[in-house]
């Protein structure tokens, strides 16, 4: 009898790491996708991809919601999903190529599941869009903007913390350099998926 109990306990112990090791969604950069997992276990994202040298074609859209029931939008809204994979995420949006500019840029696999490799692990709790013409990345809330980097209108940035009407944000430029600082709530807009 003890031998059967021992075998049963070993079987449960062997299965536990397999269950514990199942991948979860994490905030970060996944090739052209910025993805934030919110404290409420929702996701917010921004996909941006461009191709071409002389004539550049680009595809950008936002996404927000539960991982298995996202809304993606640019001009129009389309449903989608995002799931963890072994080295990143799989983004599925059946009609993603209908977003402006995306037909010539996005791979057709986006309709059934496009695998994106994680290129940077981040601690973002959300994403916001810069609404001010210019927002300096301050060292502390209410600090003076002297000789500080800045972000401009329509930049999408990751949120690291929120405090007393300020957001600590991270901007990643085209060369993958990261800049962090505080901006006030009148300088940004939260992502807001259109109602279906």
C-alpha atoms as a PDB file:
ATOM      1  CA  UNK A   1       0.000   0.000   0.000  1.00  0.00           C
ATOM      2  CA  UNK A   2       2.823   2.435   0.889  1.00  0.00           C
ATOM      3  CA  UNK A   3       4.514   1.707  -2.426  1.00  0.00           C
ATOM      4  CA  UNK A   4       1.324   2.733  -4.325  1.00  0.00           C
ATOM      5  CA  UNK A   5       1.066   5.962  -2.292  1.00  0.00           C
ATOM      6  CA  UNK A   6       4.714   6.753  -3.006  1.00  0.00           C
ATOM      7  CA  UNK A   7       4.190   6.165  -6.738  1.00  0.00           C
ATOM      8  CA  UNK A   8       1.075   8.393  -6.635  1.00  0.00           C
ATOM      9  CA  UNK A   9       2.945  11.209  -4.850  1.00  0.00           C
ATOM     10  CA  UNK A  10       5.860  10.957  -7.303  1.00  0.00           C
ATOM     11  CA  UNK A  11       3.415  11.114 -10.213  1.00  0.00           C
ATOM     12  CA  UNK A  12       1.821  14.287  -8.827  1.00  0.00           C
ATOM     13  CA  UNK A  13       5.255  15.830  -8.170  1.00  0.00           C
ATOM     14  CA  UNK A  14       6.364  15.039 -11.710  1.00  0.00           C
ATOM     15  CA  UNK A  15       3.223  16.641 -13.175  1.00  0.00           C
ATOM     16  CA  UNK A  16       3.468  19.814 -11.034  1.00  0.00           C
ATOM     17  CA  UNK A  17       6.476  21.351 -12.862  1.00  0.00           C
ATOM     18  CA  UNK A  18       4.787  20.743 -16.203  1.00  0.00           C
ATOM     19  CA  UNK A  19       1.721  22.659 -15.019  1.00  0.00           C
ATOM     20  CA  UNK A  20       3.774  25.372 -13.305  1.00  0.00           C
ATOM     21  CA  UNK A  21       5.946  25.814 -16.389  1.00  0.00           C
ATOM     22  CA  UNK A  22       3.095  26.532 -18.789  1.00  0.00           C
ATOM     23  CA  UNK A  23       3.875  29.873 -20.446  1.00  0.00           C
ATOM     24  CA  UNK A  24       2.074  33.046 -19.378  1.00  0.00           C
ATOM     25  CA  UNK A  25       1.764  36.387 -21.125  1.00  0.00           C
ATOM     26  CA  UNK A  26       4.362  38.976 -20.096  1.00  0.00           C
ATOM     27  CA  UNK A  27       4.774  42.639 -20.939  1.00  0.00           C
ATOM     28  CA  UNK A  28       7.444  43.353 -23.502  1.00  0.00           C
ATOM     29  CA  UNK A  29       8.444  43.929 -27.101  1.00  0.00           C
ATOM     30  CA  UNK A  30       7.648  41.087 -29.476  1.00  0.00           C
ATOM     31  CA  UNK A  31       9.178  42.132 -32.795  1.00  0.00           C
ATOM     32  CA  UNK A  32       6.711  44.820 -34.017  1.00  0.00           C
ATOM     33  CA  UNK A  33       4.317  44.412 -31.070  1.00  0.00           C
ATOM     34  CA  UNK A  34       4.453  46.383 -27.822  1.00  0.00           C
ATOM     35  CA  UNK A  35       2.437  44.388 -25.293  1.00  0.00           C
ATOM     36  CA  UNK A  36       1.461  45.360 -21.739  1.00  0.00           C
ATOM     37  CA  UNK A  37      -0.252  43.039 -19.280  1.00  0.00           C
ATOM     38  CA  UNK A  38      -2.345  45.175 -16.903  1.00  0.00           C
ATOM     39  CA  UNK A  39      -2.806  44.493 -13.172  1.00  0.00           C
ATOM     40  CA  UNK A  40      -6.338  43.276 -14.100  1.00  0.00           C
ATOM     41  CA  UNK A  41      -4.772  40.609 -16.412  1.00  0.00           C
ATOM     42  CA  UNK A  42      -6.010  42.399 -19.530  1.00  0.00           C
ATOM     43  CA  UNK A  43      -3.664  43.261 -22.382  1.00  0.00           C
ATOM     44  CA  UNK A  44      -2.958  46.498 -24.208  1.00  0.00           C
ATOM     45  CA  UNK A  45      -0.876  46.536 -27.337  1.00  0.00           C
ATOM     46  CA  UNK A  46       0.403  48.489 -30.278  1.00  0.00           C
ATOM     47  CA  UNK A  47       1.565  46.799 -33.468  1.00  0.00           C
ATOM     48  CA  UNK A  48       3.784  48.767 -35.868  1.00  0.00           C
ATOM     49  CA  UNK A  49       5.654  47.406 -38.863  1.00  0.00           C
ATOM     50  CA  UNK A  50       7.123  49.146 -41.886  1.00  0.00           C
ATOM     51  CA  UNK A  51       8.852  47.907 -45.017  1.00  0.00           C
ATOM     52  CA  UNK A  52      10.476  49.426 -48.061  1.00  0.00           C
ATOM     53  CA  UNK A  53      13.344  51.815 -48.601  1.00  0.00           C
ATOM     54  CA  UNK A  54      12.409  54.616 -51.002  1.00  0.00           C
ATOM     55  CA  UNK A  55       8.661  54.152 -50.622  1.00  0.00           C
ATOM     56  CA  UNK A  56       7.814  53.035 -47.105  1.00  0.00           C
ATOM     57  CA  UNK A  57       4.650  51.090 -46.420  1.00  0.00           C
ATOM     58  CA  UNK A  58       3.479  50.818 -42.844  1.00  0.00           C
ATOM     59  CA  UNK A  59       0.931  48.932 -40.787  1.00  0.00           C
ATOM     60  CA  UNK A  60      -0.125  50.094 -37.320  1.00  0.00           C
ATOM     61  CA  UNK A  61      -2.997  49.162 -35.040  1.00  0.00           C
ATOM     62  CA  UNK A  62      -3.896  49.005 -31.368  1.00  0.00           C
ATOM     63  CA  UNK A  63      -5.246  46.089 -29.374  1.00  0.00           C
ATOM     64  CA  UNK A  64      -6.937  45.815 -25.997  1.00  0.00           C
ATOM     65  CA  UNK A  65      -9.007  43.393 -23.937  1.00  0.00           C
ATOM     66  CA  UNK A  66      -8.810  39.874 -22.584  1.00  0.00           C
ATOM     67  CA  UNK A  67      -6.075  37.841 -24.291  1.00  0.00           C
ATOM     68  CA  UNK A  68      -8.592  35.461 -25.885  1.00  0.00           C
ATOM     69  CA  UNK A  69     -11.092  38.203 -26.820  1.00  0.00           C
ATOM     70  CA  UNK A  70      -9.222  41.297 -28.025  1.00  0.00           C
ATOM     71  CA  UNK A  71     -10.427  44.267 -29.985  1.00  0.00           C
ATOM     72  CA  UNK A  72      -7.921  45.532 -32.553  1.00  0.00           C
ATOM     73  CA  UNK A  73      -8.450  48.887 -34.208  1.00  0.00           C
ATOM     74  CA  UNK A  74      -7.076  51.565 -36.466  1.00  0.00           C
ATOM     75  CA  UNK A  75      -9.928  52.963 -38.598  1.00  0.00           C
ATOM     76  CA  UNK A  76     -12.181  49.928 -38.052  1.00  0.00           C
ATOM     77  CA  UNK A  77     -12.314  47.432 -35.173  1.00  0.00           C
ATOM     78  CA  UNK A  78     -11.702  43.685 -35.624  1.00  0.00           C
ATOM     79  CA  UNK A  79     -11.579  40.853 -33.070  1.00  0.00           C
ATOM     80  CA  UNK A  80      -8.382  38.985 -32.281  1.00  0.00           C
ATOM     81  CA  UNK A  81      -6.421  37.092 -29.661  1.00  0.00           C
ATOM     82  CA  UNK A  82      -2.907  36.783 -28.281  1.00  0.00           C
ATOM     83  CA  UNK A  83      -1.442  33.737 -26.584  1.00  0.00           C
ATOM     84  CA  UNK A  84       1.943  32.920 -25.077  1.00  0.00           C
ATOM     85  CA  UNK A  85       4.296  30.705 -27.079  1.00  0.00           C
ATOM     86  CA  UNK A  86       7.601  29.083 -26.179  1.00  0.00           C
ATOM     87  CA  UNK A  87       9.704  32.107 -27.222  1.00  0.00           C
ATOM     88  CA  UNK A  88       7.151  34.909 -27.457  1.00  0.00           C
ATOM     89  CA  UNK A  89       3.498  35.259 -28.399  1.00  0.00           C
ATOM     90  CA  UNK A  90       1.134  34.213 -31.149  1.00  0.00           C
ATOM     91  CA  UNK A  91      -1.055  37.065 -32.427  1.00  0.00           C
ATOM     92  CA  UNK A  92      -4.201  36.093 -34.330  1.00  0.00           C
ATOM     93  CA  UNK A  93      -6.420  38.653 -36.054  1.00  0.00           C
ATOM     94  CA  UNK A  94      -8.459  37.220 -38.917  1.00  0.00           C
ATOM     95  CA  UNK A  95      -9.042  40.620 -40.545  1.00  0.00           C
ATOM     96  CA  UNK A  96      -5.801  42.366 -39.498  1.00  0.00           C
ATOM     97  CA  UNK A  97      -4.785  42.900 -43.117  1.00  0.00           C
ATOM     98  CA  UNK A  98      -7.893  45.101 -43.473  1.00  0.00           C
ATOM     99  CA  UNK A  99      -6.294  47.720 -41.187  1.00  0.00           C
ATOM    100  CA  UNK A 100      -4.949  50.628 -43.308  1.00  0.00           C
ATOM    101  CA  UNK A 101      -1.617  49.778 -44.946  1.00  0.00           C
ATOM    102  CA  UNK A 102      -1.487  46.260 -43.488  1.00  0.00           C
ATOM    103  CA  UNK A 103      -2.376  44.312 -46.664  1.00  0.00           C
ATOM    104  CA  UNK A 104       1.089  44.922 -48.150  1.00  0.00           C
ATOM    105  CA  UNK A 105       3.038  44.598 -44.890  1.00  0.00           C
ATOM    106  CA  UNK A 106       1.511  41.906 -42.665  1.00  0.00           C
ATOM    107  CA  UNK A 107       2.132  38.228 -43.307  1.00  0.00           C
ATOM    108  CA  UNK A 108      -1.051  36.261 -44.197  1.00  0.00           C
ATOM    109  CA  UNK A 109      -0.380  34.052 -41.125  1.00  0.00           C
ATOM    110  CA  UNK A 110      -1.786  36.847 -38.949  1.00  0.00           C
ATOM    111  CA  UNK A 111      -5.256  35.457 -39.792  1.00  0.00           C
ATOM    112  CA  UNK A 112      -4.546  32.115 -38.114  1.00  0.00           C
ATOM    113  CA  UNK A 113      -1.653  32.957 -35.801  1.00  0.00           C
ATOM    114  CA  UNK A 114       1.540  34.932 -36.388  1.00  0.00           C
ATOM    115  CA  UNK A 115       4.417  33.918 -34.094  1.00  0.00           C
ATOM    116  CA  UNK A 116       6.346  36.879 -32.713  1.00  0.00           C
ATOM    117  CA  UNK A 117       9.610  36.375 -30.796  1.00  0.00           C
ATOM    118  CA  UNK A 118      10.186  38.377 -27.620  1.00  0.00           C
ATOM    119  CA  UNK A 119      12.917  40.957 -28.194  1.00  0.00           C
ATOM    120  CA  UNK A 120      12.713  42.741 -24.809  1.00  0.00           C
ATOM    121  CA  UNK A 121      11.156  41.867 -21.450  1.00  0.00           C
ATOM    122  CA  UNK A 122       9.407  44.860 -19.831  1.00  0.00           C
ATOM    123  CA  UNK A 123       7.457  45.685 -16.652  1.00  0.00           C
ATOM    124  CA  UNK A 124       4.730  47.718 -18.361  1.00  0.00           C
ATOM    125  CA  UNK A 125       1.324  47.842 -16.648  1.00  0.00           C
ATOM    126  CA  UNK A 126      -0.336  49.580 -19.598  1.00  0.00           C
ATOM    127  CA  UNK A 127       0.268  51.633 -22.733  1.00  0.00           C
ATOM    128  CA  UNK A 128      -0.627  55.264 -23.412  1.00  0.00           C
ATOM    129  CA  UNK A 129      -0.486  57.558 -26.430  1.00  0.00           C
ATOM    130  CA  UNK A 130       1.191  60.957 -26.092  1.00  0.00           C
ATOM    131  CA  UNK A 131      -1.414  63.685 -26.650  1.00  0.00           C
ATOM    132  CA  UNK A 132       0.826  66.739 -26.055  1.00  0.00           C
ATOM    133  CA  UNK A 133       2.900  68.168 -28.917  1.00  0.00           C
ATOM    134  CA  UNK A 134       6.007  67.588 -26.767  1.00  0.00           C
ATOM    135  CA  UNK A 135       6.297  65.866 -23.356  1.00  0.00           C
ATOM    136  CA  UNK A 136       9.596  65.942 -21.470  1.00  0.00           C
ATOM    137  CA  UNK A 137      10.553  62.753 -19.619  1.00  0.00           C
ATOM    138  CA  UNK A 138      11.092  64.191 -16.135  1.00  0.00           C
ATOM    139  CA  UNK A 139      13.306  62.546 -13.490  1.00  0.00           C
ATOM    140  CA  UNK A 140      10.557  62.973 -10.880  1.00  0.00           C
ATOM    141  CA  UNK A 141       6.957  64.233 -11.047  1.00  0.00           C
ATOM    142  CA  UNK A 142       6.900  68.055 -11.283  1.00  0.00           C
ATOM    143  CA  UNK A 143      10.679  68.278 -11.933  1.00  0.00           C
ATOM    144  CA  UNK A 144      12.099  70.912 -14.270  1.00  0.00           C
ATOM    145  CA  UNK A 145      12.464  69.695 -17.906  1.00  0.00           C
ATOM    146  CA  UNK A 146      16.004  71.064 -18.351  1.00  0.00           C
ATOM    147  CA  UNK A 147      17.970  69.040 -20.923  1.00  0.00           C
ATOM    148  CA  UNK A 148      15.704  66.018 -20.682  1.00  0.00           C
ATOM    149  CA  UNK A 149      14.695  63.702 -23.535  1.00  0.00           C
ATOM    150  CA  UNK A 150      11.167  64.208 -24.786  1.00  0.00           C
ATOM    151  CA  UNK A 151       8.461  62.334 -26.652  1.00  0.00           C
ATOM    152  CA  UNK A 152       6.032  63.786 -29.179  1.00  0.00           C
ATOM    153  CA  UNK A 153       2.374  63.581 -30.089  1.00  0.00           C
ATOM    154  CA  UNK A 154       1.128  60.090 -31.098  1.00  0.00           C
ATOM    155  CA  UNK A 155       4.153  58.251 -29.655  1.00  0.00           C
ATOM    156  CA  UNK A 156       3.031  55.087 -27.866  1.00  0.00           C
ATOM    157  CA  UNK A 157       4.833  54.440 -24.577  1.00  0.00           C
ATOM    158  CA  UNK A 158       4.784  51.757 -21.892  1.00  0.00           C
ATOM    159  CA  UNK A 159       3.556  52.708 -18.406  1.00  0.00           C
ATOM    160  CA  UNK A 160       5.760  51.585 -15.495  1.00  0.00           C
ATOM    161  CA  UNK A 161       3.918  53.326 -12.631  1.00  0.00           C
ATOM    162  CA  UNK A 162       1.130  55.835 -11.945  1.00  0.00           C
ATOM    163  CA  UNK A 163       1.240  58.322  -9.054  1.00  0.00           C
ATOM    164  CA  UNK A 164      -0.773  61.454  -8.189  1.00  0.00           C
ATOM    165  CA  UNK A 165      -1.732  62.374 -11.759  1.00  0.00           C
ATOM    166  CA  UNK A 166       1.632  61.386 -13.232  1.00  0.00           C
ATOM    167  CA  UNK A 167       2.745  58.328 -15.196  1.00  0.00           C
ATOM    168  CA  UNK A 168       6.261  56.940 -15.296  1.00  0.00           C
ATOM    169  CA  UNK A 169       6.688  55.858 -18.907  1.00  0.00           C
ATOM    170  CA  UNK A 170       9.238  54.157 -21.115  1.00  0.00           C
ATOM    171  CA  UNK A 171       9.819  55.099 -24.733  1.00  0.00           C
ATOM    172  CA  UNK A 172      11.784  52.865 -27.098  1.00  0.00           C
ATOM    173  CA  UNK A 173      13.143  54.604 -30.183  1.00  0.00           C
ATOM    174  CA  UNK A 174      13.780  53.162 -33.659  1.00  0.00           C
ATOM    175  CA  UNK A 175      17.304  52.125 -32.611  1.00  0.00           C
ATOM    176  CA  UNK A 176      15.845  50.153 -29.645  1.00  0.00           C
ATOM    177  CA  UNK A 177      17.217  52.641 -27.101  1.00  0.00           C
ATOM    178  CA  UNK A 178      15.052  53.043 -24.020  1.00  0.00           C
ATOM    179  CA  UNK A 179      14.200  56.334 -22.276  1.00  0.00           C
ATOM    180  CA  UNK A 180      12.160  56.610 -19.059  1.00  0.00           C
ATOM    181  CA  UNK A 181      10.642  59.514 -17.184  1.00  0.00           C
ATOM    182  CA  UNK A 182       7.460  61.009 -15.757  1.00  0.00           C
ATOM    183  CA  UNK A 183       4.754  62.789 -17.760  1.00  0.00           C
ATOM    184  CA  UNK A 184       1.567  64.379 -16.420  1.00  0.00           C
ATOM    185  CA  UNK A 185      -1.913  63.021 -17.101  1.00  0.00           C
ATOM    186  CA  UNK A 186      -2.746  65.987 -19.354  1.00  0.00           C
ATOM    187  CA  UNK A 187       0.046  64.899 -21.734  1.00  0.00           C
ATOM    188  CA  UNK A 188      -1.233  61.405 -22.562  1.00  0.00           C
ATOM    189  CA  UNK A 189      -4.367  59.429 -23.419  1.00  0.00           C
ATOM    190  CA  UNK A 190      -5.099  55.877 -22.322  1.00  0.00           C
ATOM    191  CA  UNK A 191      -5.816  53.331 -25.025  1.00  0.00           C
ATOM    192  CA  UNK A 192      -9.545  52.952 -25.454  1.00  0.00           C
ATOM    193  CA  UNK A 193     -10.962  50.296 -27.749  1.00  0.00           C
ATOM    194  CA  UNK A 194     -14.000  51.423 -29.748  1.00  0.00           C
ATOM    195  CA  UNK A 195     -17.298  49.887 -28.671  1.00  0.00           C
ATOM    196  CA  UNK A 196     -18.454  47.123 -31.061  1.00  0.00           C
END
